[in-house]
């Protein structure tokens, strides 16, 4: 929700500033998909 808020606003300066946070959640998302915690549509 935090990442998507700034994405929708096209506020890439904030996303750059917190790139490790973005990468961390991307990592968790990949693991959750791999372990079938989230479905393919959400993951995609």
ModelCIF file with pLDDT and N, C-alpha, C, O atoms, coordinates in Angstrom:
data_MODEL
#
_entry.id   MODEL 
#
_entity.id                         1 
_entity.type                       polymer 
_entity.pdbx_number_of_molecules   1 
#
_entity_poly.entity_id                      1 
_entity_poly.type                           'polypeptide(L)' 
_entity_poly.nstd_linkage                   no 
_entity_poly.nstd_monomer                   no 
_entity_poly.pdbx_seq_one_letter_code       
;(UNK)(UNK)(UNK)(UNK)(UNK)(UNK)(UNK)(UNK)(UNK)(UNK)(UNK)(UNK)(UNK)(UNK)(UNK)(UNK)
(UNK)(UNK)(UNK)(UNK)(UNK)(UNK)(UNK)(UNK)(UNK)(UNK)(UNK)(UNK)(UNK)(UNK)(UNK)(UNK)
(UNK)(UNK)(UNK)(UNK)(UNK)(UNK)(UNK)(UNK)(UNK)(UNK)(UNK)(UNK)
;
_entity_poly.pdbx_seq_one_letter_code_can   XXXXXXXXXXXXXXXXXXXXXXXXXXXXXXXXXXXXXXXXXXXX 
_entity_poly.pdbx_strand_id                 A 
#
loop_
_entity_poly_seq.entity_id 
_entity_poly_seq.num 
_entity_poly_seq.mon_id 
_entity_poly_seq.hetero 
1 1  UNK n 
1 2  UNK n 
1 3  UNK n 
1 4  UNK n 
1 5  UNK n 
1 6  UNK n 
1 7  UNK n 
1 8  UNK n 
1 9  UNK n 
1 10 UNK n 
1 11 UNK n 
1 12 UNK n 
1 13 UNK n 
1 14 UNK n 
1 15 UNK n 
1 16 UNK n 
1 17 UNK n 
1 18 UNK n 
1 19 UNK n 
1 20 UNK n 
1 21 UNK n 
1 22 UNK n 
1 23 UNK n 
1 24 UNK n 
1 25 UNK n 
1 26 UNK n 
1 27 UNK n 
1 28 UNK n 
1 29 UNK n 
1 30 UNK n 
1 31 UNK n 
1 32 UNK n 
1 33 UNK n 
1 34 UNK n 
1 35 UNK n 
1 36 UNK n 
1 37 UNK n 
1 38 UNK n 
1 39 UNK n 
1 40 UNK n 
1 41 UNK n 
1 42 UNK n 
1 43 UNK n 
1 44 UNK n 
#
_struct_asym.id          A 
_struct_asym.entity_id   1 
#
loop_
_ma_qa_metric.id 
_ma_qa_metric.mode 
_ma_qa_metric.name 
_ma_qa_metric.software_group_id 
_ma_qa_metric.type 
1 global pLDDT . pLDDT 
2 local  pLDDT . pLDDT 
#
_ma_qa_metric_global.metric_id      1 
_ma_qa_metric_global.metric_value   94.93 
_ma_qa_metric_global.model_id       1 
_ma_qa_metric_global.ordinal_id     1 
#
loop_
_ma_qa_metric_local.label_asym_id 
_ma_qa_metric_local.label_comp_id 
_ma_qa_metric_local.label_seq_id 
_ma_qa_metric_local.metric_id 
_ma_qa_metric_local.metric_value 
_ma_qa_metric_local.model_id 
_ma_qa_metric_local.ordinal_id 
A UNK 1  2 97.00 1 1  
A UNK 2  2 97.00 1 2  
A UNK 3  2 98.00 1 3  
A UNK 4  2 97.00 1 4  
A UNK 5  2 97.00 1 5  
A UNK 6  2 97.00 1 6  
A UNK 7  2 97.00 1 7  
A UNK 8  2 96.00 1 8  
A UNK 9  2 96.00 1 9  
A UNK 10 2 93.00 1 10 
A UNK 11 2 94.00 1 11 
A UNK 12 2 92.00 1 12 
A UNK 13 2 93.00 1 13 
A UNK 14 2 95.00 1 14 
A UNK 15 2 95.00 1 15 
A UNK 16 2 93.00 1 16 
A UNK 17 2 95.00 1 17 
A UNK 18 2 95.00 1 18 
A UNK 19 2 95.00 1 19 
A UNK 20 2 96.00 1 20 
A UNK 21 2 97.00 1 21 
A UNK 22 2 97.00 1 22 
A UNK 23 2 97.00 1 23 
A UNK 24 2 98.00 1 24 
A UNK 25 2 97.00 1 25 
A UNK 26 2 97.00 1 26 
A UNK 27 2 97.00 1 27 
A UNK 28 2 96.00 1 28 
A UNK 29 2 96.00 1 29 
A UNK 30 2 95.00 1 30 
A UNK 31 2 93.00 1 31 
A UNK 32 2 92.00 1 32 
A UNK 33 2 95.00 1 33 
A UNK 34 2 93.00 1 34 
A UNK 35 2 90.00 1 35 
A UNK 36 2 90.00 1 36 
A UNK 37 2 87.00 1 37 
A UNK 38 2 92.00 1 38 
A UNK 39 2 92.00 1 39 
A UNK 40 2 95.00 1 40 
A UNK 41 2 96.00 1 41 
A UNK 42 2 94.00 1 42 
A UNK 43 2 96.00 1 43 
A UNK 44 2 97.00 1 44 
#
loop_
_atom_site.group_PDB 
_atom_site.id 
_atom_site.type_symbol 
_atom_site.label_atom_id 
_atom_site.label_alt_id 
_atom_site.label_comp_id 
_atom_site.label_asym_id 
_atom_site.label_entity_id 
_atom_site.label_seq_id 
_atom_site.pdbx_PDB_ins_code 
_atom_site.Cartn_x 
_atom_site.Cartn_y 
_atom_site.Cartn_z 
_atom_site.occupancy 
_atom_site.B_iso_or_equiv 
_atom_site.pdbx_formal_charge 
_atom_site.auth_seq_id 
_atom_site.auth_comp_id 
_atom_site.auth_asym_id 
_atom_site.auth_atom_id 
_atom_site.pdbx_PDB_model_num 
ATOM 1   N N  . UNK A 1 1  ? 0.833  -1.206  0.000   1.00 97.00 ? 1  UNK A N  1 
ATOM 2   C CA . UNK A 1 1  ? 0.000  0.000   0.000   1.00 97.00 ? 1  UNK A CA 1 
ATOM 3   C C  . UNK A 1 1  ? 0.867  1.255   0.000   1.00 97.00 ? 1  UNK A C  1 
ATOM 4   O O  . UNK A 1 1  ? 0.540  2.235   -0.669  1.00 97.00 ? 1  UNK A O  1 
ATOM 5   N N  . UNK A 1 2  ? 1.946  1.233   0.729   1.00 97.00 ? 2  UNK A N  1 
ATOM 6   C CA . UNK A 1 2  ? 2.862  2.378   0.784   1.00 97.00 ? 2  UNK A CA 1 
ATOM 7   C C  . UNK A 1 2  ? 3.554  2.561   -0.568  1.00 97.00 ? 2  UNK A C  1 
ATOM 8   O O  . UNK A 1 2  ? 3.573  3.660   -1.123  1.00 97.00 ? 2  UNK A O  1 
ATOM 9   N N  . UNK A 1 3  ? 4.112  1.487   -1.081  1.00 98.00 ? 3  UNK A N  1 
ATOM 10  C CA . UNK A 1 3  ? 4.837  1.549   -2.361  1.00 98.00 ? 3  UNK A CA 1 
ATOM 11  C C  . UNK A 1 3  ? 3.897  1.963   -3.489  1.00 98.00 ? 3  UNK A C  1 
ATOM 12  O O  . UNK A 1 3  ? 4.227  2.843   -4.285  1.00 98.00 ? 3  UNK A O  1 
ATOM 13  N N  . UNK A 1 4  ? 2.732  1.331   -3.558  1.00 97.00 ? 4  UNK A N  1 
ATOM 14  C CA . UNK A 1 4  ? 1.793  1.607   -4.643  1.00 97.00 ? 4  UNK A CA 1 
ATOM 15  C C  . UNK A 1 4  ? 1.272  3.037   -4.601  1.00 97.00 ? 4  UNK A C  1 
ATOM 16  O O  . UNK A 1 4  ? 1.011  3.629   -5.648  1.00 97.00 ? 4  UNK A O  1 
ATOM 17  N N  . UNK A 1 5  ? 1.117  3.602   -3.401  1.00 97.00 ? 5  UNK A N  1 
ATOM 18  C CA . UNK A 1 5  ? 0.686  4.992   -3.260  1.00 97.00 ? 5  UNK A CA 1 
ATOM 19  C C  . UNK A 1 5  ? 1.660  5.921   -3.988  1.00 97.00 ? 5  UNK A C  1 
ATOM 20  O O  . UNK A 1 5  ? 1.243  6.778   -4.767  1.00 97.00 ? 5  UNK A O  1 
ATOM 21  N N  . UNK A 1 6  ? 2.945  5.747   -3.733  1.00 97.00 ? 6  UNK A N  1 
ATOM 22  C CA . UNK A 1 6  ? 3.943  6.597   -4.384  1.00 97.00 ? 6  UNK A CA 1 
ATOM 23  C C  . UNK A 1 6  ? 4.067  6.276   -5.869  1.00 97.00 ? 6  UNK A C  1 
ATOM 24  O O  . UNK A 1 6  ? 4.352  7.161   -6.676  1.00 97.00 ? 6  UNK A O  1 
ATOM 25  N N  . UNK A 1 7  ? 3.858  5.034   -6.222  1.00 97.00 ? 7  UNK A N  1 
ATOM 26  C CA . UNK A 1 7  ? 3.898  4.654   -7.636  1.00 97.00 ? 7  UNK A CA 1 
ATOM 27  C C  . UNK A 1 7  ? 2.762  5.327   -8.402  1.00 97.00 ? 7  UNK A C  1 
ATOM 28  O O  . UNK A 1 7  ? 2.982  5.915   -9.461  1.00 97.00 ? 7  UNK A O  1 
ATOM 29  N N  . UNK A 1 8  ? 1.559  5.237   -7.865  1.00 96.00 ? 8  UNK A N  1 
ATOM 30  C CA . UNK A 1 8  ? 0.397  5.847   -8.523  1.00 96.00 ? 8  UNK A CA 1 
ATOM 31  C C  . UNK A 1 8  ? 0.597  7.349   -8.687  1.00 96.00 ? 8  UNK A C  1 
ATOM 32  O O  . UNK A 1 8  ? 0.189  7.933   -9.691  1.00 96.00 ? 8  UNK A O  1 
ATOM 33  N N  . UNK A 1 9  ? 1.224  7.966   -7.697  1.00 96.00 ? 9  UNK A N  1 
ATOM 34  C CA . UNK A 1 9  ? 1.508  9.407   -7.752  1.00 96.00 ? 9  UNK A CA 1 
ATOM 35  C C  . UNK A 1 9  ? 2.714  9.725   -8.637  1.00 96.00 ? 9  UNK A C  1 
ATOM 36  O O  . UNK A 1 9  ? 3.065  10.892  -8.812  1.00 96.00 ? 9  UNK A O  1 
ATOM 37  N N  . UNK A 1 10 ? 3.346  8.693   -9.193  1.00 93.00 ? 10 UNK A N  1 
ATOM 38  C CA . UNK A 1 10 ? 4.577  8.839   -9.982  1.00 93.00 ? 10 UNK A CA 1 
ATOM 39  C C  . UNK A 1 10 ? 5.659  9.565   -9.191  1.00 93.00 ? 10 UNK A C  1 
ATOM 40  O O  . UNK A 1 10 ? 6.436  10.342  -9.746  1.00 93.00 ? 10 UNK A O  1 
ATOM 41  N N  . UNK A 1 11 ? 5.698  9.306   -7.915  1.00 94.00 ? 11 UNK A N  1 
ATOM 42  C CA . UNK A 1 11 ? 6.677  9.947   -7.030  1.00 94.00 ? 11 UNK A CA 1 
ATOM 43  C C  . UNK A 1 11 ? 7.900  9.033   -6.916  1.00 94.00 ? 11 UNK A C  1 
ATOM 44  O O  . UNK A 1 11 ? 8.141  8.409   -5.882  1.00 94.00 ? 11 UNK A O  1 
ATOM 45  N N  . UNK A 1 12 ? 8.653  8.975   -7.997  1.00 92.00 ? 12 UNK A N  1 
ATOM 46  C CA . UNK A 1 12 ? 9.800  8.073   -8.055  1.00 92.00 ? 12 UNK A CA 1 
ATOM 47  C C  . UNK A 1 12 ? 10.964 8.555   -7.191  1.00 92.00 ? 12 UNK A C  1 
ATOM 48  O O  . UNK A 1 12 ? 11.839 7.767   -6.833  1.00 92.00 ? 12 UNK A O  1 
ATOM 49  N N  . UNK A 1 13 ? 10.977 9.845   -6.855  1.00 93.00 ? 13 UNK A N  1 
ATOM 50  C CA . UNK A 1 13 ? 12.032 10.336  -5.959  1.00 93.00 ? 13 UNK A CA 1 
ATOM 51  C C  . UNK A 1 13 ? 11.940 9.660   -4.596  1.00 93.00 ? 13 UNK A C  1 
ATOM 52  O O  . UNK A 1 13 ? 12.960 9.293   -4.013  1.00 93.00 ? 13 UNK A O  1 
ATOM 53  N N  . UNK A 1 14 ? 10.730 9.496   -4.089  1.00 95.00 ? 14 UNK A N  1 
ATOM 54  C CA . UNK A 1 14 ? 10.546 8.809   -2.806  1.00 95.00 ? 14 UNK A CA 1 
ATOM 55  C C  . UNK A 1 14 ? 10.901 7.333   -2.954  1.00 95.00 ? 14 UNK A C  1 
ATOM 56  O O  . UNK A 1 14 ? 11.553 6.758   -2.083  1.00 95.00 ? 14 UNK A O  1 
ATOM 57  N N  . UNK A 1 15 ? 10.476 6.727   -4.046  1.00 95.00 ? 15 UNK A N  1 
ATOM 58  C CA . UNK A 1 15 ? 10.776 5.309   -4.272  1.00 95.00 ? 15 UNK A CA 1 
ATOM 59  C C  . UNK A 1 15 ? 12.281 5.074   -4.399  1.00 95.00 ? 15 UNK A C  1 
ATOM 60  O O  . UNK A 1 15 ? 12.792 4.055   -3.935  1.00 95.00 ? 15 UNK A O  1 
ATOM 61  N N  . UNK A 1 16 ? 12.984 6.006   -5.022  1.00 93.00 ? 16 UNK A N  1 
ATOM 62  C CA . UNK A 1 16 ? 14.443 5.898   -5.105  1.00 93.00 ? 16 UNK A CA 1 
ATOM 63  C C  . UNK A 1 16 ? 15.049 6.006   -3.708  1.00 93.00 ? 16 UNK A C  1 
ATOM 64  O O  . UNK A 1 16 ? 15.952 5.249   -3.351  1.00 93.00 ? 16 UNK A O  1 
ATOM 65  N N  . UNK A 1 17 ? 14.546 6.948   -2.932  1.00 95.00 ? 17 UNK A N  1 
ATOM 66  C CA . UNK A 1 17 ? 15.062 7.167   -1.578  1.00 95.00 ? 17 UNK A CA 1 
ATOM 67  C C  . UNK A 1 17 ? 14.899 5.912   -0.718  1.00 95.00 ? 17 UNK A C  1 
ATOM 68  O O  . UNK A 1 17 ? 15.730 5.625   0.144   1.00 95.00 ? 17 UNK A O  1 
ATOM 69  N N  . UNK A 1 18 ? 13.828 5.177   -0.964  1.00 95.00 ? 18 UNK A N  1 
ATOM 70  C CA . UNK A 1 18 ? 13.539 3.979   -0.165  1.00 95.00 ? 18 UNK A CA 1 
ATOM 71  C C  . UNK A 1 18 ? 13.629 2.709   -1.010  1.00 95.00 ? 18 UNK A C  1 
ATOM 72  O O  . UNK A 1 18 ? 12.830 1.788   -0.845  1.00 95.00 ? 18 UNK A O  1 
ATOM 73  N N  . UNK A 1 19 ? 14.596 2.668   -1.903  1.00 95.00 ? 19 UNK A N  1 
ATOM 74  C CA . UNK A 1 19 ? 14.726 1.559   -2.834  1.00 95.00 ? 19 UNK A CA 1 
ATOM 75  C C  . UNK A 1 19 ? 14.944 0.218   -2.119  1.00 95.00 ? 19 UNK A C  1 
ATOM 76  O O  . UNK A 1 19 ? 14.483 -0.815  -2.604  1.00 95.00 ? 19 UNK A O  1 
ATOM 77  N N  . UNK A 1 20 ? 15.624 0.219   -0.999  1.00 96.00 ? 20 UNK A N  1 
ATOM 78  C CA . UNK A 1 20 ? 15.826 -1.043  -0.277  1.00 96.00 ? 20 UNK A CA 1 
ATOM 79  C C  . UNK A 1 20 ? 14.513 -1.561  0.284   1.00 96.00 ? 20 UNK A C  1 
ATOM 80  O O  . UNK A 1 20 ? 14.293 -2.770  0.337   1.00 96.00 ? 20 UNK A O  1 
ATOM 81  N N  . UNK A 1 21 ? 13.651 -0.663  0.698   1.00 97.00 ? 21 UNK A N  1 
ATOM 82  C CA . UNK A 1 21 ? 12.323 -1.052  1.163   1.00 97.00 ? 21 UNK A CA 1 
ATOM 83  C C  . UNK A 1 21 ? 11.523 -1.661  0.008   1.00 97.00 ? 21 UNK A C  1 
ATOM 84  O O  . UNK A 1 21 ? 10.857 -2.682  0.175   1.00 97.00 ? 21 UNK A O  1 
ATOM 85  N N  . UNK A 1 22 ? 11.596 -1.028  -1.155  1.00 97.00 ? 22 UNK A N  1 
ATOM 86  C CA . UNK A 1 22 ? 10.909 -1.542  -2.342  1.00 97.00 ? 22 UNK A CA 1 
ATOM 87  C C  . UNK A 1 22 ? 11.464 -2.918  -2.708  1.00 97.00 ? 22 UNK A C  1 
ATOM 88  O O  . UNK A 1 22 ? 10.702 -3.846  -2.980  1.00 97.00 ? 22 UNK A O  1 
ATOM 89  N N  . UNK A 1 23 ? 12.784 -3.046  -2.715  1.00 97.00 ? 23 UNK A N  1 
ATOM 90  C CA . UNK A 1 23 ? 13.417 -4.327  -3.048  1.00 97.00 ? 23 UNK A CA 1 
ATOM 91  C C  . UNK A 1 23 ? 13.049 -5.405  -2.031  1.00 97.00 ? 23 UNK A C  1 
ATOM 92  O O  . UNK A 1 23 ? 12.813 -6.557  -2.394  1.00 97.00 ? 23 UNK A O  1 
ATOM 93  N N  . UNK A 1 24 ? 13.001 -5.026  -0.773  1.00 98.00 ? 24 UNK A N  1 
ATOM 94  C CA . UNK A 1 24 ? 12.632 -5.964  0.294   1.00 98.00 ? 24 UNK A CA 1 
ATOM 95  C C  . UNK A 1 24 ? 11.230 -6.503  0.063   1.00 98.00 ? 24 UNK A C  1 
ATOM 96  O O  . UNK A 1 24 ? 11.006 -7.709  0.157   1.00 98.00 ? 24 UNK A O  1 
ATOM 97  N N  . UNK A 1 25 ? 10.284 -5.620  -0.238  1.00 97.00 ? 25 UNK A N  1 
ATOM 98  C CA . UNK A 1 25 ? 8.918  -6.104  -0.431  1.00 97.00 ? 25 UNK A CA 1 
ATOM 99  C C  . UNK A 1 25 ? 8.785  -6.910  -1.718  1.00 97.00 ? 25 UNK A C  1 
ATOM 100 O O  . UNK A 1 25 ? 7.997  -7.854  -1.781  1.00 97.00 ? 25 UNK A O  1 
ATOM 101 N N  . UNK A 1 26 ? 9.537  -6.550  -2.727  1.00 97.00 ? 26 UNK A N  1 
ATOM 102 C CA . UNK A 1 26 ? 9.559  -7.337  -3.962  1.00 97.00 ? 26 UNK A CA 1 
ATOM 103 C C  . UNK A 1 26 ? 10.070 -8.747  -3.659  1.00 97.00 ? 26 UNK A C  1 
ATOM 104 O O  . UNK A 1 26 ? 9.523  -9.733  -4.154  1.00 97.00 ? 26 UNK A O  1 
ATOM 105 N N  . UNK A 1 27 ? 11.099 -8.832  -2.860  1.00 97.00 ? 27 UNK A N  1 
ATOM 106 C CA . UNK A 1 27 ? 11.672 -10.122 -2.437  1.00 97.00 ? 27 UNK A CA 1 
ATOM 107 C C  . UNK A 1 27 ? 10.624 -10.954 -1.697  1.00 97.00 ? 27 UNK A C  1 
ATOM 108 O O  . UNK A 1 27 ? 10.450 -12.139 -1.981  1.00 97.00 ? 27 UNK A O  1 
ATOM 109 N N  . UNK A 1 28 ? 9.925  -10.323 -0.745  1.00 96.00 ? 28 UNK A N  1 
ATOM 110 C CA . UNK A 1 28 ? 8.877  -11.040 -0.012  1.00 96.00 ? 28 UNK A CA 1 
ATOM 111 C C  . UNK A 1 28 ? 7.764  -11.502 -0.951  1.00 96.00 ? 28 UNK A C  1 
ATOM 112 O O  . UNK A 1 28 ? 7.229  -12.600 -0.797  1.00 96.00 ? 28 UNK A O  1 
ATOM 113 N N  . UNK A 1 29 ? 7.425  -10.668 -1.914  1.00 96.00 ? 29 UNK A N  1 
ATOM 114 C CA . UNK A 1 29 ? 6.384  -11.013 -2.879  1.00 96.00 ? 29 UNK A CA 1 
ATOM 115 C C  . UNK A 1 29 ? 6.796  -12.232 -3.695  1.00 96.00 ? 29 UNK A C  1 
ATOM 116 O O  . UNK A 1 29 ? 5.986  -13.129 -3.929  1.00 96.00 ? 29 UNK A O  1 
ATOM 117 N N  . UNK A 1 30 ? 8.041  -12.264 -4.125  1.00 95.00 ? 30 UNK A N  1 
ATOM 118 C CA . UNK A 1 30 ? 8.529  -13.417 -4.892  1.00 95.00 ? 30 UNK A CA 1 
ATOM 119 C C  . UNK A 1 30 ? 8.491  -14.699 -4.058  1.00 95.00 ? 30 UNK A C  1 
ATOM 120 O O  . UNK A 1 30 ? 8.094  -15.755 -4.551  1.00 95.00 ? 30 UNK A O  1 
ATOM 121 N N  . UNK A 1 31 ? 8.901  -14.600 -2.811  1.00 93.00 ? 31 UNK A N  1 
ATOM 122 C CA . UNK A 1 31 ? 8.876  -15.773 -1.936  1.00 93.00 ? 31 UNK A CA 1 
ATOM 123 C C  . UNK A 1 31 ? 7.434  -16.219 -1.698  1.00 93.00 ? 31 UNK A C  1 
ATOM 124 O O  . UNK A 1 31 ? 7.138  -17.413 -1.743  1.00 93.00 ? 31 UNK A O  1 
ATOM 125 N N  . UNK A 1 32 ? 6.547  -15.271 -1.448  1.00 92.00 ? 32 UNK A N  1 
ATOM 126 C CA . UNK A 1 32 ? 5.143  -15.606 -1.198  1.00 92.00 ? 32 UNK A CA 1 
ATOM 127 C C  . UNK A 1 32 ? 4.524  -16.300 -2.409  1.00 92.00 ? 32 UNK A C  1 
ATOM 128 O O  . UNK A 1 32 ? 3.737  -17.234 -2.258  1.00 92.00 ? 32 UNK A O  1 
ATOM 129 N N  . UNK A 1 33 ? 4.877  -15.848 -3.596  1.00 95.00 ? 33 UNK A N  1 
ATOM 130 C CA . UNK A 1 33 ? 4.352  -16.496 -4.807  1.00 95.00 ? 33 UNK A CA 1 
ATOM 131 C C  . UNK A 1 33 ? 4.951  -17.896 -4.950  1.00 95.00 ? 33 UNK A C  1 
ATOM 132 O O  . UNK A 1 33 ? 4.235  -18.855 -5.241  1.00 95.00 ? 33 UNK A O  1 
ATOM 133 N N  . UNK A 1 34 ? 6.235  -18.008 -4.748  1.00 93.00 ? 34 UNK A N  1 
ATOM 134 C CA . UNK A 1 34 ? 6.917  -19.302 -4.856  1.00 93.00 ? 34 UNK A CA 1 
ATOM 135 C C  . UNK A 1 34 ? 6.316  -20.324 -3.885  1.00 93.00 ? 34 UNK A C  1 
ATOM 136 O O  . UNK A 1 34 ? 6.204  -21.508 -4.201  1.00 93.00 ? 34 UNK A O  1 
ATOM 137 N N  . UNK A 1 35 ? 5.937  -19.846 -2.710  1.00 90.00 ? 35 UNK A N  1 
ATOM 138 C CA . UNK A 1 35 ? 5.367  -20.729 -1.680  1.00 90.00 ? 35 UNK A CA 1 
ATOM 139 C C  . UNK A 1 35 ? 3.841  -20.816 -1.773  1.00 90.00 ? 35 UNK A C  1 
ATOM 140 O O  . UNK A 1 35 ? 3.195  -21.400 -0.902  1.00 90.00 ? 35 UNK A O  1 
ATOM 141 N N  . UNK A 1 36 ? 3.271  -20.238 -2.825  1.00 90.00 ? 36 UNK A N  1 
ATOM 142 C CA . UNK A 1 36 ? 1.816  -20.250 -3.084  1.00 90.00 ? 36 UNK A CA 1 
ATOM 143 C C  . UNK A 1 36 ? 1.006  -19.512 -2.014  1.00 90.00 ? 36 UNK A C  1 
ATOM 144 O O  . UNK A 1 36 ? -0.130 -19.887 -1.723  1.00 90.00 ? 36 UNK A O  1 
ATOM 145 N N  . UNK A 1 37 ? 1.590  -18.468 -1.432  1.00 87.00 ? 37 UNK A N  1 
ATOM 146 C CA . UNK A 1 37 ? 0.870  -17.644 -0.455  1.00 87.00 ? 37 UNK A CA 1 
ATOM 147 C C  . UNK A 1 37 ? -0.004 -16.613 -1.164  1.00 87.00 ? 37 UNK A C  1 
ATOM 148 O O  . UNK A 1 37 ? -1.018 -16.176 -0.619  1.00 87.00 ? 37 UNK A O  1 
ATOM 149 N N  . UNK A 1 38 ? 0.385  -16.226 -2.371  1.00 92.00 ? 38 UNK A N  1 
ATOM 150 C CA . UNK A 1 38 ? -0.412 -15.285 -3.161  1.00 92.00 ? 38 UNK A CA 1 
ATOM 151 C C  . UNK A 1 38 ? -0.633 -15.900 -4.542  1.00 92.00 ? 38 UNK A C  1 
ATOM 152 O O  . UNK A 1 38 ? 0.183  -16.682 -5.030  1.00 92.00 ? 38 UNK A O  1 
ATOM 153 N N  . UNK A 1 39 ? -1.746 -15.529 -5.153  1.00 92.00 ? 39 UNK A N  1 
ATOM 154 C CA . UNK A 1 39 ? -2.049 -16.141 -6.452  1.00 92.00 ? 39 UNK A CA 1 
ATOM 155 C C  . UNK A 1 39 ? -1.338 -15.415 -7.592  1.00 92.00 ? 39 UNK A C  1 
ATOM 156 O O  . UNK A 1 39 ? -0.775 -14.333 -7.425  1.00 92.00 ? 39 UNK A O  1 
ATOM 157 N N  . UNK A 1 40 ? -1.387 -16.044 -8.730  1.00 95.00 ? 40 UNK A N  1 
ATOM 158 C CA . UNK A 1 40 ? -0.626 -15.576 -9.888  1.00 95.00 ? 40 UNK A CA 1 
ATOM 159 C C  . UNK A 1 40 ? -1.043 -14.173 -10.333 1.00 95.00 ? 40 UNK A C  1 
ATOM 160 O O  . UNK A 1 40 ? -0.191 -13.360 -10.692 1.00 95.00 ? 40 UNK A O  1 
ATOM 161 N N  . UNK A 1 41 ? -2.344 -13.884 -10.313 1.00 96.00 ? 41 UNK A N  1 
ATOM 162 C CA . UNK A 1 41 ? -2.808 -12.571 -10.764 1.00 96.00 ? 41 UNK A CA 1 
ATOM 163 C C  . UNK A 1 41 ? -2.295 -11.449 -9.867  1.00 96.00 ? 41 UNK A C  1 
ATOM 164 O O  . UNK A 1 41 ? -1.860 -10.408 -10.359 1.00 96.00 ? 41 UNK A O  1 
ATOM 165 N N  . UNK A 1 42 ? -2.346 -11.659 -8.559  1.00 94.00 ? 42 UNK A N  1 
ATOM 166 C CA . UNK A 1 42 ? -1.842 -10.657 -7.611  1.00 94.00 ? 42 UNK A CA 1 
ATOM 167 C C  . UNK A 1 42 ? -0.337 -10.481 -7.814  1.00 94.00 ? 42 UNK A C  1 
ATOM 168 O O  . UNK A 1 42 ? 0.169  -9.361  -7.880  1.00 94.00 ? 42 UNK A O  1 
ATOM 169 N N  . UNK A 1 43 ? 0.359  -11.598 -7.910  1.00 96.00 ? 43 UNK A N  1 
ATOM 170 C CA . UNK A 1 43 ? 1.807  -11.575 -8.113  1.00 96.00 ? 43 UNK A CA 1 
ATOM 171 C C  . UNK A 1 43 ? 2.159  -10.832 -9.406  1.00 96.00 ? 43 UNK A C  1 
ATOM 172 O O  . UNK A 1 43 ? 3.036  -9.969  -9.409  1.00 96.00 ? 43 UNK A O  1 
ATOM 173 N N  . UNK A 1 44 ? 1.481  -11.165 -10.488 1.00 97.00 ? 44 UNK A N  1 
ATOM 174 C CA . UNK A 1 44 ? 1.770  -10.537 -11.783 1.00 97.00 ? 44 UNK A CA 1 
ATOM 175 C C  . UNK A 1 44 ? 1.546  -9.030  -11.734 1.00 97.00 ? 44 UNK A C  1 
ATOM 176 O O  . UNK A 1 44 ? 1.742  -8.344  -12.738 1.00 97.00 ? 44 UNK A O  1 
#
